[in-house]
Amino acid sequence: MIQLQIEAVMAAKHQQSGTNIKLSELAAATGISRMTLHRALNQKQHNLSINSIDKLCAYFGCDLTDLVKYVPEQKHAA
């Protein structure tokens, strides 16, 4: 499963700059709707377009691997 790490990237940006990033500011800067960002932050399996991921990487100045993480799904024993 692919998990978005937006909160972690936002926290790292906050730590570097000392300013808190608001969702509305992120939406305005990236052109991604506030609702889409809200869903991506709160739902672990939200689908986010490649275009949106590209905009987030550009905004945060981060690499794709900073923003997304692959977590293997656990197989349940029968």
PDB file of N, CA and C in Angstrom:
ATOM      1  N   MET A   1       0.846  -1.158   0.000  1.00  0.00           N
ATOM      2  CA  MET A   1       0.000   0.000   0.000  1.00  0.00           C
ATOM      3  C   MET A   1       0.901   1.234   0.000  1.00  0.00           C
ATOM      4  N   ILE A   2       0.518   2.225  -0.757  1.00  0.00           N
ATOM      5  CA  ILE A   2       1.232   3.496  -0.798  1.00  0.00           C
ATOM      6  C   ILE A   2       0.586   4.443   0.210  1.00  0.00           C
ATOM      7  N   GLN A   3       1.389   5.012   1.078  1.00  0.00           N
ATOM      8  CA  GLN A   3       0.895   5.965   2.069  1.00  0.00           C
ATOM      9  C   GLN A   3       1.503   7.332   1.799  1.00  0.00           C
ATOM     10  N   LEU A   4       0.684   8.355   1.896  1.00  0.00           N
ATOM     11  CA  LEU A   4       1.149   9.722   1.733  1.00  0.00           C
ATOM     12  C   LEU A   4       1.730  10.219   3.051  1.00  0.00           C
ATOM     13  N   GLN A   5       2.846  10.899   2.967  1.00  0.00           N
ATOM     14  CA  GLN A   5       3.547  11.396   4.153  1.00  0.00           C
ATOM     15  C   GLN A   5       3.492  12.926   4.209  1.00  0.00           C
ATOM     16  N   ILE A   6       2.351  13.504   3.842  1.00  0.00           N
ATOM     17  CA  ILE A   6       2.222  14.958   3.767  1.00  0.00           C
ATOM     18  C   ILE A   6       2.454  15.601   5.128  1.00  0.00           C
ATOM     19  N   GLU A   7       1.898  15.024   6.173  1.00  0.00           N
ATOM     20  CA  GLU A   7       2.071  15.606   7.519  1.00  0.00           C
ATOM     21  C   GLU A   7       3.535  15.648   7.921  1.00  0.00           C
ATOM     22  N   ALA A   8       4.273  14.588   7.625  1.00  0.00           N
ATOM     23  CA  ALA A   8       5.690  14.539   7.979  1.00  0.00           C
ATOM     24  C   ALA A   8       6.479  15.597   7.204  1.00  0.00           C
ATOM     25  N   VAL A   9       6.163  15.774   5.932  1.00  0.00           N
ATOM     26  CA  VAL A   9       6.847  16.770   5.110  1.00  0.00           C
ATOM     27  C   VAL A   9       6.487  18.176   5.588  1.00  0.00           C
ATOM     28  N   MET A  10       5.220  18.385   5.947  1.00  0.00           N
ATOM     29  CA  MET A  10       4.796  19.681   6.484  1.00  0.00           C
ATOM     30  C   MET A  10       5.523  19.976   7.797  1.00  0.00           C
ATOM     31  N   ALA A  11       5.671  18.975   8.648  1.00  0.00           N
ATOM     32  CA  ALA A  11       6.358  19.151   9.931  1.00  0.00           C
ATOM     33  C   ALA A  11       7.831  19.484   9.716  1.00  0.00           C
ATOM     34  N   ALA A  12       8.458  18.821   8.744  1.00  0.00           N
ATOM     35  CA  ALA A  12       9.863  19.093   8.451  1.00  0.00           C
ATOM     36  C   ALA A  12      10.037  20.512   7.926  1.00  0.00           C
ATOM     37  N   LYS A  13       9.122  20.948   7.077  1.00  0.00           N
ATOM     38  CA  LYS A  13       9.161  22.316   6.544  1.00  0.00           C
ATOM     39  C   LYS A  13       8.971  23.323   7.682  1.00  0.00           C
ATOM     40  N   HIS A  14       8.062  23.011   8.596  1.00  0.00           N
ATOM     41  CA  HIS A  14       7.820  23.868   9.757  1.00  0.00           C
ATOM     42  C   HIS A  14       9.079  23.974  10.615  1.00  0.00           C
ATOM     43  N   GLN A  15       9.737  22.863  10.814  1.00  0.00           N
ATOM     44  CA  GLN A  15      10.947  22.845  11.639  1.00  0.00           C
ATOM     45  C   GLN A  15      12.067  23.662  10.983  1.00  0.00           C
ATOM     46  N   GLN A  16      12.159  23.582   9.660  1.00  0.00           N
ATOM     47  CA  GLN A  16      13.201  24.326   8.945  1.00  0.00           C
ATOM     48  C   GLN A  16      12.932  25.821   8.942  1.00  0.00           C
ATOM     49  N   SER A  17      11.677  26.191   8.680  1.00  0.00           N
ATOM     50  CA  SER A  17      11.357  27.602   8.498  1.00  0.00           C
ATOM     51  C   SER A  17      10.847  28.279   9.767  1.00  0.00           C
ATOM     52  N   GLY A  18      10.332  27.488  10.693  1.00  0.00           N
ATOM     53  CA  GLY A  18       9.779  28.056  11.914  1.00  0.00           C
ATOM     54  C   GLY A  18       8.368  28.594  11.747  1.00  0.00           C
ATOM     55  N   THR A  19       7.805  28.444  10.561  1.00  0.00           N
ATOM     56  CA  THR A  19       6.432  28.901  10.329  1.00  0.00           C
ATOM     57  C   THR A  19       5.522  27.708  10.119  1.00  0.00           C
ATOM     58  N   ASN A  20       4.317  27.831  10.617  1.00  0.00           N
ATOM     59  CA  ASN A  20       3.331  26.768  10.491  1.00  0.00           C
ATOM     60  C   ASN A  20       2.614  26.916   9.154  1.00  0.00           C
ATOM     61  N   ILE A  21       2.514  25.841   8.394  1.00  0.00           N
ATOM     62  CA  ILE A  21       1.855  25.864   7.096  1.00  0.00           C
ATOM     63  C   ILE A  21       0.392  25.494   7.282  1.00  0.00           C
ATOM     64  N   LYS A  22      -0.482  26.390   6.868  1.00  0.00           N
ATOM     65  CA  LYS A  22      -1.919  26.122   6.947  1.00  0.00           C
ATOM     66  C   LYS A  22      -2.368  25.434   5.668  1.00  0.00           C
ATOM     67  N   LEU A  23      -3.377  24.609   5.797  1.00  0.00           N
ATOM     68  CA  LEU A  23      -3.906  23.876   4.655  1.00  0.00           C
ATOM     69  C   LEU A  23      -4.376  24.828   3.560  1.00  0.00           C
ATOM     70  N   SER A  24      -4.983  25.922   3.943  1.00  0.00           N
ATOM     71  CA  SER A  24      -5.460  26.896   2.951  1.00  0.00           C
ATOM     72  C   SER A  24      -4.287  27.533   2.194  1.00  0.00           C
ATOM     73  N   GLU A  25      -3.172  27.757   2.880  1.00  0.00           N
ATOM     74  CA  GLU A  25      -1.980  28.302   2.227  1.00  0.00           C
ATOM     75  C   GLU A  25      -1.387  27.294   1.256  1.00  0.00           C
ATOM     76  N   LEU A  26      -1.346  26.040   1.667  1.00  0.00           N
ATOM     77  CA  LEU A  26      -0.828  24.980   0.812  1.00  0.00           C
ATOM     78  C   LEU A  26      -1.711  24.831  -0.428  1.00  0.00           C
ATOM     79  N   ALA A  27      -3.017  24.903  -0.239  1.00  0.00           N
ATOM     80  CA  ALA A  27      -3.953  24.806  -1.362  1.00  0.00           C
ATOM     81  C   ALA A  27      -3.743  25.956  -2.339  1.00  0.00           C
ATOM     82  N   ALA A  28      -3.617  27.153  -1.822  1.00  0.00           N
ATOM     83  CA  ALA A  28      -3.426  28.322  -2.687  1.00  0.00           C
ATOM     84  C   ALA A  28      -2.100  28.253  -3.448  1.00  0.00           C
ATOM     85  N   ALA A  29      -1.061  27.799  -2.783  1.00  0.00           N
ATOM     86  CA  ALA A  29       0.266  27.745  -3.396  1.00  0.00           C
ATOM     87  C   ALA A  29       0.391  26.644  -4.448  1.00  0.00           C
ATOM     88  N   THR A  30      -0.333  25.555  -4.265  1.00  0.00           N
ATOM     89  CA  THR A  30      -0.192  24.409  -5.174  1.00  0.00           C
ATOM     90  C   THR A  30      -1.316  24.305  -6.194  1.00  0.00           C
ATOM     91  N   GLY A  31      -2.437  24.942  -5.924  1.00  0.00           N
ATOM     92  CA  GLY A  31      -3.580  24.806  -6.818  1.00  0.00           C
ATOM     93  C   GLY A  31      -4.376  23.537  -6.572  1.00  0.00           C
ATOM     94  N   ILE A  32      -4.050  22.827  -5.500  1.00  0.00           N
ATOM     95  CA  ILE A  32      -4.771  21.619  -5.111  1.00  0.00           C
ATOM     96  C   ILE A  32      -5.868  22.047  -4.144  1.00  0.00           C
ATOM     97  N   SER A  33      -7.076  21.568  -4.362  1.00  0.00           N
ATOM     98  CA  SER A  33      -8.175  22.023  -3.508  1.00  0.00           C
ATOM     99  C   SER A  33      -7.919  21.657  -2.044  1.00  0.00           C
ATOM    100  N   ARG A  34      -8.431  22.512  -1.179  1.00  0.00           N
ATOM    101  CA  ARG A  34      -8.294  22.296   0.261  1.00  0.00           C
ATOM    102  C   ARG A  34      -8.925  20.975   0.671  1.00  0.00           C
ATOM    103  N   MET A  35     -10.060  20.637   0.065  1.00  0.00           N
ATOM    104  CA  MET A  35     -10.740  19.377   0.391  1.00  0.00           C
ATOM    105  C   MET A  35      -9.891  18.177  -0.023  1.00  0.00           C
ATOM    106  N   THR A  36      -9.264  18.247  -1.175  1.00  0.00           N
ATOM    107  CA  THR A  36      -8.391  17.155  -1.623  1.00  0.00           C
ATOM    108  C   THR A  36      -7.227  16.987  -0.662  1.00  0.00           C
ATOM    109  N   LEU A  37      -6.629  18.093  -0.245  1.00  0.00           N
ATOM    110  CA  LEU A  37      -5.523  18.024   0.712  1.00  0.00           C
ATOM    111  C   LEU A  37      -5.991  17.471   2.053  1.00  0.00           C
ATOM    112  N   HIS A  38      -7.164  17.915   2.490  1.00  0.00           N
ATOM    113  CA  HIS A  38      -7.731  17.423   3.748  1.00  0.00           C
ATOM    114  C   HIS A  38      -7.922  15.909   3.693  1.00  0.00           C
ATOM    115  N   ARG A  39      -8.490  15.428   2.603  1.00  0.00           N
ATOM    116  CA  ARG A  39      -8.695  13.980   2.451  1.00  0.00           C
ATOM    117  C   ARG A  39      -7.370  13.232   2.418  1.00  0.00           C
ATOM    118  N   ALA A  40      -6.395  13.777   1.719  1.00  0.00           N
ATOM    119  CA  ALA A  40      -5.083  13.128   1.628  1.00  0.00           C
ATOM    120  C   ALA A  40      -4.406  13.065   2.990  1.00  0.00           C
ATOM    121  N   LEU A  41      -4.616  14.065   3.820  1.00  0.00           N
ATOM    122  CA  LEU A  41      -4.023  14.079   5.151  1.00  0.00           C
ATOM    123  C   LEU A  41      -4.718  13.123   6.114  1.00  0.00           C
ATOM    124  N   ASN A  42      -6.015  12.957   5.959  1.00  0.00           N
ATOM    125  CA  ASN A  42      -6.793  12.209   6.947  1.00  0.00           C
ATOM    126  C   ASN A  42      -7.171  10.795   6.544  1.00  0.00           C
ATOM    127  N   GLN A  43      -7.049  10.467   5.293  1.00  0.00           N
ATOM    128  CA  GLN A  43      -7.387   9.121   4.844  1.00  0.00           C
ATOM    129  C   GLN A  43      -6.126   8.461   4.322  1.00  0.00           C
ATOM    130  N   LYS A  44      -5.721   7.400   4.949  1.00  0.00           N
ATOM    131  CA  LYS A  44      -4.456   6.758   4.613  1.00  0.00           C
ATOM    132  C   LYS A  44      -4.414   6.215   3.185  1.00  0.00           C
ATOM    133  N   GLN A  45      -5.556   5.914   2.599  1.00  0.00           N
ATOM    134  CA  GLN A  45      -5.561   5.334   1.263  1.00  0.00           C
ATOM    135  C   GLN A  45      -6.200   6.262   0.230  1.00  0.00           C
ATOM    136  N   HIS A  46      -6.080   7.556   0.413  1.00  0.00           N
ATOM    137  CA  HIS A  46      -6.658   8.505  -0.533  1.00  0.00           C
ATOM    138  C   HIS A  46      -5.861   8.511  -1.829  1.00  0.00           C
ATOM    139  N   ASN A  47      -6.557   8.536  -2.957  1.00  0.00           N
ATOM    140  CA  ASN A  47      -5.902   8.611  -4.259  1.00  0.00           C
ATOM    141  C   ASN A  47      -5.580  10.066  -4.579  1.00  0.00           C
ATOM    142  N   LEU A  48      -4.330  10.339  -4.849  1.00  0.00           N
ATOM    143  CA  LEU A  48      -3.880  11.672  -5.206  1.00  0.00           C
ATOM    144  C   LEU A  48      -3.213  11.563  -6.568  1.00  0.00           C
ATOM    145  N   SER A  49      -3.550  12.464  -7.477  1.00  0.00           N
ATOM    146  CA  SER A  49      -3.015  12.380  -8.840  1.00  0.00           C
ATOM    147  C   SER A  49      -1.504  12.619  -8.858  1.00  0.00           C
ATOM    148  N   ILE A  50      -0.866  12.110  -9.894  1.00  0.00           N
ATOM    149  CA  ILE A  50       0.570  12.322 -10.085  1.00  0.00           C
ATOM    150  C   ILE A  50       0.852  13.817 -10.205  1.00  0.00           C
ATOM    151  N   ASN A  51      -0.040  14.538 -10.860  1.00  0.00           N
ATOM    152  CA  ASN A  51       0.111  15.982 -11.010  1.00  0.00           C
ATOM    153  C   ASN A  51       0.120  16.667  -9.635  1.00  0.00           C
ATOM    154  N   SER A  52      -0.780  16.246  -8.755  1.00  0.00           N
ATOM    155  CA  SER A  52      -0.832  16.825  -7.407  1.00  0.00           C
ATOM    156  C   SER A  52       0.416  16.465  -6.612  1.00  0.00           C
ATOM    157  N   ILE A  53       0.869  15.235  -6.732  1.00  0.00           N
ATOM    158  CA  ILE A  53       2.096  14.816  -6.046  1.00  0.00           C
ATOM    159  C   ILE A  53       3.282  15.645  -6.546  1.00  0.00           C
ATOM    160  N   ASP A  54       3.321  15.887  -7.854  1.00  0.00           N
ATOM    161  CA  ASP A  54       4.377  16.709  -8.444  1.00  0.00           C
ATOM    162  C   ASP A  54       4.344  18.123  -7.862  1.00  0.00           C
ATOM    163  N   LYS A  55       3.150  18.699  -7.741  1.00  0.00           N
ATOM    164  CA  LYS A  55       3.008  20.054  -7.186  1.00  0.00           C
ATOM    165  C   LYS A  55       3.449  20.101  -5.727  1.00  0.00           C
ATOM    166  N   LEU A  56       3.127  19.062  -4.964  1.00  0.00           N
ATOM    167  CA  LEU A  56       3.535  19.029  -3.558  1.00  0.00           C
ATOM    168  C   LEU A  56       5.057  18.911  -3.429  1.00  0.00           C
ATOM    169  N   CYS A  57       5.662  18.073  -4.254  1.00  0.00           N
ATOM    170  CA  CYS A  57       7.128  17.939  -4.230  1.00  0.00           C
ATOM    171  C   CYS A  57       7.792  19.270  -4.586  1.00  0.00           C
ATOM    172  N   ALA A  58       7.243  19.960  -5.574  1.00  0.00           N
ATOM    173  CA  ALA A  58       7.799  21.257  -5.972  1.00  0.00           C
ATOM    174  C   ALA A  58       7.642  22.270  -4.845  1.00  0.00           C
ATOM    175  N   TYR A  59       6.477  22.306  -4.222  1.00  0.00           N
ATOM    176  CA  TYR A  59       6.225  23.267  -3.140  1.00  0.00           C
ATOM    177  C   TYR A  59       7.167  23.031  -1.958  1.00  0.00           C
ATOM    178  N   PHE A  60       7.293  21.783  -1.543  1.00  0.00           N
ATOM    179  CA  PHE A  60       8.113  21.471  -0.380  1.00  0.00           C
ATOM    180  C   PHE A  60       9.601  21.346  -0.717  1.00  0.00           C
ATOM    181  N   GLY A  61       9.925  21.284  -2.007  1.00  0.00           N
ATOM    182  CA  GLY A  61      11.314  21.102  -2.395  1.00  0.00           C
ATOM    183  C   GLY A  61      11.835  19.758  -1.938  1.00  0.00           C
ATOM    184  N   CYS A  62      10.967  18.750  -2.050  1.00  0.00           N
ATOM    185  CA  CYS A  62      11.335  17.415  -1.557  1.00  0.00           C
ATOM    186  C   CYS A  62      11.332  16.403  -2.700  1.00  0.00           C
ATOM    187  N   ASP A  63      11.853  15.253  -2.403  1.00  0.00           N
ATOM    188  CA  ASP A  63      11.882  14.142  -3.345  1.00  0.00           C
ATOM    189  C   ASP A  63      10.603  13.321  -3.178  1.00  0.00           C
ATOM    190  N   LEU A  64      10.256  12.588  -4.193  1.00  0.00           N
ATOM    191  CA  LEU A  64       9.069  11.738  -4.151  1.00  0.00           C
ATOM    192  C   LEU A  64       9.104  10.784  -2.959  1.00  0.00           C
ATOM    193  N   THR A  65      10.266  10.260  -2.648  1.00  0.00           N
ATOM    194  CA  THR A  65      10.385   9.309  -1.536  1.00  0.00           C
ATOM    195  C   THR A  65      10.167   9.963  -0.176  1.00  0.00           C
ATOM    196  N   ASP A  66      10.226  11.286  -0.121  1.00  0.00           N
ATOM    197  CA  ASP A  66       9.902  11.997   1.117  1.00  0.00           C
ATOM    198  C   ASP A  66       8.390  12.105   1.298  1.00  0.00           C
ATOM    199  N   LEU A  67       7.666  12.088   0.184  1.00  0.00           N
ATOM    200  CA  LEU A  67       6.231  12.335   0.201  1.00  0.00           C
ATOM    201  C   LEU A  67       5.382  11.069   0.210  1.00  0.00           C
ATOM    202  N   VAL A  68       5.887  10.016  -0.382  1.00  0.00           N
ATOM    203  CA  VAL A  68       5.129   8.756  -0.415  1.00  0.00           C
ATOM    204  C   VAL A  68       5.972   7.623   0.157  1.00  0.00           C
ATOM    205  N   LYS A  69       5.290   6.665   0.729  1.00  0.00           N
ATOM    206  CA  LYS A  69       5.969   5.528   1.368  1.00  0.00           C
ATOM    207  C   LYS A  69       5.222   4.255   1.004  1.00  0.00           C
ATOM    208  N   TYR A  70       5.981   3.229   0.662  1.00  0.00           N
ATOM    209  CA  TYR A  70       5.382   1.928   0.378  1.00  0.00           C
ATOM    210  C   TYR A  70       5.403   1.098   1.649  1.00  0.00           C
ATOM    211  N   VAL A  71       4.227   0.612   2.042  1.00  0.00           N
ATOM    212  CA  VAL A  71       4.101  -0.256   3.211  1.00  0.00           C
ATOM    213  C   VAL A  71       3.444  -1.549   2.732  1.00  0.00           C
ATOM    214  N   PRO A  72       4.173  -2.657   2.772  1.00  0.00           N
ATOM    215  CA  PRO A  72       3.568  -3.916   2.325  1.00  0.00           C
ATOM    216  C   PRO A  72       2.339  -4.266   3.174  1.00  0.00           C
ATOM    217  N   GLU A  73       1.312  -4.733   2.497  1.00  0.00           N
ATOM    218  CA  GLU A  73       0.112  -5.157   3.223  1.00  0.00           C
ATOM    219  C   GLU A  73       0.410  -6.465   3.937  1.00  0.00           C
ATOM    220  N   GLN A  74      -0.106  -6.558   5.146  1.00  0.00           N
ATOM    221  CA  GLN A  74       0.087  -7.778   5.910  1.00  0.00           C
ATOM    222  C   GLN A  74      -0.944  -8.820   5.479  1.00  0.00           C
ATOM    223  N   LYS A  75      -0.443  -9.999   5.198  1.00  0.00           N
ATOM    224  CA  LYS A  75      -1.336 -11.088   4.815  1.00  0.00           C
ATOM    225  C   LYS A  75      -1.800 -11.783   6.089  1.00  0.00           C
ATOM    226  N   HIS A  76      -3.097 -11.973   6.171  1.00  0.00           N
ATOM    227  CA  HIS A  76      -3.666 -12.622   7.344  1.00  0.00           C
ATOM    228  C   HIS A  76      -3.623 -14.129   7.170  1.00  0.00           C
ATOM    229  N   ALA A  77      -3.213 -14.808   8.207  1.00  0.00           N
ATOM    230  CA  ALA A  77      -3.179 -16.279   8.183  1.00  0.00           C
ATOM    231  C   ALA A  77      -4.600 -16.817   8.216  1.00  0.00           C
ATOM    232  N   ALA A  78      -4.840 -17.832   7.437  1.00  0.00           N
ATOM    233  CA  ALA A  78      -6.203 -18.415   7.365  1.00  0.00           C
ATOM    234  C   ALA A  78      -6.456 -19.358   8.509  1.00  0.00           C
TER     235      ALA A  78
END
